[in-house]
Amino acid sequence: MKKKKRSQHHIVPSSRGGRRTVILPNEFHKAWHFLFVNLTPDEITDFVIEMHKLMRKSEEITWEQIEQLQSRLKRES
């Protein structure tokens, strides 16, 4: 069986002072950052809740709205 590529993931982004890492399958790691950029675990929880609220009240959500939400959550933590 071919060994799949893996990579280290900082639980809290290193750019935000995180030191602890976990090894993840590389494709999962890429997908994680595509969805959550460099949000912390607590911010991700809030992001999912806020996205759910936005999806319930909107027919269309833009990348700009998503990026604004991510930025707001970073500022608030």
Protein backbone atom coordinates (compact mmCIF):
# COMPACT_ATOMS: atom_id res chain seq x y z
CA MET A 1 0.00 0.00 0.00
CA LYS A 2 1.37 3.43 -0.98
CA LYS A 3 2.00 5.75 1.95
CA LYS A 4 -0.11 8.92 1.69
CA LYS A 5 1.55 12.30 2.19
CA ARG A 6 1.03 13.88 5.56
CA SER A 7 1.75 17.33 6.96
CA GLN A 8 1.97 19.10 10.29
CA HIS A 9 -0.97 21.27 11.26
CA HIS A 10 -0.77 23.88 14.00
CA ILE A 11 -3.89 23.67 16.16
CA VAL A 12 -3.60 27.42 16.73
CA PRO A 13 -1.88 28.97 13.70
CA SER A 14 1.84 29.55 14.20
CA SER A 15 1.31 33.10 12.88
CA ARG A 16 -0.88 33.63 15.94
CA GLY A 17 1.48 32.08 18.47
CA GLY A 18 0.48 28.42 18.22
CA ARG A 19 3.11 25.78 18.93
CA ARG A 20 1.26 22.47 19.21
CA THR A 21 0.92 20.47 16.02
CA VAL A 22 -0.84 17.35 14.83
CA ILE A 23 -0.02 15.26 11.76
CA LEU A 24 -2.85 15.23 9.21
CA PRO A 25 -3.28 13.65 5.80
CA ASN A 26 -2.06 16.31 3.37
CA GLU A 27 -5.31 16.57 1.36
CA PHE A 28 -7.37 16.98 4.54
CA HIS A 29 -4.93 19.63 5.75
CA LYS A 30 -5.31 21.58 2.50
CA ALA A 31 -9.10 21.34 2.69
CA TRP A 32 -9.06 22.52 6.32
CA HIS A 33 -7.18 25.69 5.40
CA PHE A 34 -9.31 26.25 2.32
CA LEU A 35 -12.40 26.32 4.55
CA PHE A 36 -11.06 27.88 7.72
CA VAL A 37 -7.95 29.81 6.61
CA ASN A 38 -6.08 30.49 9.88
CA LEU A 39 -8.93 30.59 12.36
CA THR A 40 -8.43 29.12 15.83
CA PRO A 41 -10.60 26.18 16.94
CA ASP A 42 -12.91 28.49 18.92
CA GLU A 43 -13.23 30.84 15.94
CA ILE A 44 -14.03 27.89 13.68
CA THR A 45 -16.90 26.89 15.98
CA ASP A 46 -18.28 30.44 15.80
CA PHE A 47 -17.69 30.53 12.02
CA VAL A 48 -19.75 27.39 11.44
CA ILE A 49 -22.60 28.71 13.61
CA GLU A 50 -22.56 32.12 11.89
CA MET A 51 -22.41 30.54 8.42
CA HIS A 52 -25.39 28.37 9.32
CA LYS A 53 -27.36 31.48 10.35
CA LEU A 54 -26.35 33.26 7.15
CA MET A 55 -27.39 30.30 4.99
CA ARG A 56 -30.80 30.15 6.67
CA LYS A 57 -31.58 33.80 5.89
CA SER A 58 -29.83 34.29 2.52
CA GLU A 59 -30.32 32.89 -0.93
CA GLU A 60 -26.75 33.69 -1.97
CA ILE A 61 -23.53 34.17 -0.01
CA THR A 62 -20.48 35.78 -1.56
CA TRP A 63 -16.77 35.21 -0.89
CA GLU A 64 -16.68 38.80 0.35
CA GLN A 65 -19.25 37.99 3.05
CA ILE A 66 -17.33 34.87 4.06
CA GLU A 67 -14.03 36.77 4.27
CA GLN A 68 -15.67 39.56 6.27
CA LEU A 69 -17.04 37.01 8.72
CA GLN A 70 -13.62 35.39 9.10
CA SER A 71 -11.97 38.78 9.69
CA ARG A 72 -14.60 39.77 12.25
CA LEU A 73 -14.13 36.54 14.17
CA LYS A 74 -10.34 37.05 14.28
CA ARG A 75 -10.79 40.61 15.59
CA GLU A 76 -13.27 39.50 18.27
CA SER A 77 -11.06 36.78 19.75
